[in-house]
Protein backbone atom coordinates (compact mmCIF):
# COMPACT_ATOMS: atom_id res chain seq x y z
CA MET A 1 105.45 130.79 104.67
CA THR A 2 106.02 130.08 108.36
CA TYR A 3 105.35 127.21 110.73
CA GLU A 4 103.29 128.66 113.58
CA PRO A 5 100.83 126.08 115.00
CA GLU A 6 99.11 128.56 117.33
CA ARG A 7 98.78 131.41 114.85
CA ARG A 8 98.36 129.46 111.60
CA PRO A 9 96.94 126.02 112.50
CA GLY A 10 95.77 125.14 108.98
CA VAL A 11 99.10 125.87 107.33
CA SER A 12 100.97 124.24 110.19
CA ASN A 13 98.83 121.11 109.85
CA LEU A 14 99.72 120.85 106.16
CA LEU A 15 103.38 121.36 107.03
CA ASP A 16 103.16 118.61 109.67
CA ILE A 17 101.61 116.24 107.13
CA LEU A 18 104.24 117.11 104.53
CA ALA A 19 106.99 116.64 107.08
CA GLY A 20 105.62 113.25 108.07
CA ALA A 21 105.45 112.13 104.46
CA THR A 22 108.90 113.38 103.46
CA GLY A 23 111.01 113.28 106.61
CA ILE A 24 111.89 116.98 106.60
CA THR A 25 110.96 119.23 109.49
CA PRO A 26 107.88 121.46 109.25
CA ALA A 27 110.02 124.58 109.71
CA VAL A 28 112.32 123.61 106.83
CA ALA A 29 109.33 122.75 104.65
CA ALA A 30 107.76 126.13 105.39
CA GLY A 31 110.71 127.91 103.80
CA GLU A 32 110.17 126.11 100.51
CA PHE A 33 106.74 127.59 99.70
CA LYS A 34 105.48 131.05 98.81
CA ASN A 35 101.76 130.36 99.06
CA ASN A 36 99.14 127.91 100.27
CA GLY A 37 98.46 126.57 96.79
CA GLU A 38 102.05 125.40 96.38
CA LEU A 39 101.99 123.85 99.86
CA LYS A 40 98.72 122.03 99.23
CA ALA A 41 99.96 120.64 95.91
CA ALA A 42 103.28 119.50 97.38
CA THR A 43 101.54 117.89 100.36
CA ALA A 44 99.14 116.02 98.09
CA GLU A 45 102.00 114.82 95.88
CA ALA A 46 104.04 113.69 98.90
CA LEU A 47 101.09 111.68 100.22
CA ILE A 48 100.47 110.11 96.83
CA GLU A 49 104.13 109.03 96.67
CA LEU A 50 104.06 107.76 100.25
CA LEU A 51 100.97 105.64 99.57
CA ARG A 52 102.03 104.40 96.12
CA PRO A 53 103.77 101.20 97.36
CA ILE A 54 100.86 100.42 99.69
CA GLN A 55 98.38 100.80 96.85
CA ALA A 56 100.53 98.61 94.61
CA ARG A 57 100.68 95.87 97.24
CA LEU A 58 96.93 96.12 97.80
CA SER A 59 96.37 95.64 94.07
CA GLU A 60 98.63 92.57 94.10
CA LEU A 61 96.76 91.07 97.03
CA ARG A 62 93.37 91.74 95.46
CA ALA A 63 94.51 89.89 92.37
CA ASN A 64 95.67 86.81 94.30
CA ARG A 65 93.08 85.54 96.78
CA ARG A 66 95.06 82.36 97.46
CA GLU A 67 98.06 84.35 98.68
CA VAL A 68 95.81 86.40 100.98
CA GLU A 69 94.31 83.24 102.46
CA LEU A 70 97.78 81.80 103.01
CA LEU A 71 98.96 84.99 104.72
CA LEU A 72 95.88 85.00 106.94
CA TYR A 73 96.39 81.33 107.83
CA ARG A 74 100.03 81.91 108.75
CA GLY A 75 99.16 85.03 110.73
CA ALA A 76 96.45 83.20 112.66
CA GLY A 77 98.90 80.43 113.55
CA LYS A 78 101.49 82.92 114.75
CA ALA A 79 98.89 84.82 116.80
CA ARG A 80 97.63 81.57 118.31
CA SER A 81 101.12 80.49 119.34
CA ILE A 82 101.66 83.82 121.09
CA ALA A 83 98.20 83.96 122.70
CA GLU A 84 97.93 80.39 124.02
CA PRO A 85 100.51 80.71 126.83
CA VAL A 86 99.10 84.09 127.86
CA LEU A 87 95.57 82.73 127.95
CA ALA A 88 96.71 79.70 129.94
CA ARG A 89 98.31 81.95 132.57
CA ALA A 90 95.18 84.14 132.69
CA ARG A 91 92.91 81.11 133.11
CA GLU A 92 95.10 79.79 135.89
CA ALA A 93 95.20 83.19 137.60
CA VAL A 94 91.40 83.44 137.75
CA GLY A 95 90.90 79.77 138.60
CA LEU A 96 89.38 78.54 135.36
CA ILE A 97 89.75 74.91 134.39
CA ALA A 98 92.10 74.40 131.46
CA THR A 99 90.43 73.23 128.26
């Protein structure tokens, strides 16, 4: 198997995805497979492993609505504290009256 984006875009796309999920280069990954079936299976498994912690955290958050609301509240406060000075400068720059 070879990594040739111009000549073999489908295989190269799978190798790019696998490389992104595992941290190896597409060219190195290409040398590990004899056929497309092996590459497809390895790419799917790498994506499953990459997403496993995200799925676990999502399950935790779905089970605890109070924690989600607290995280959203904290995030909104942080965003507000960052945005307020920027908005004040923008209002001043365009001549709007401060509220």
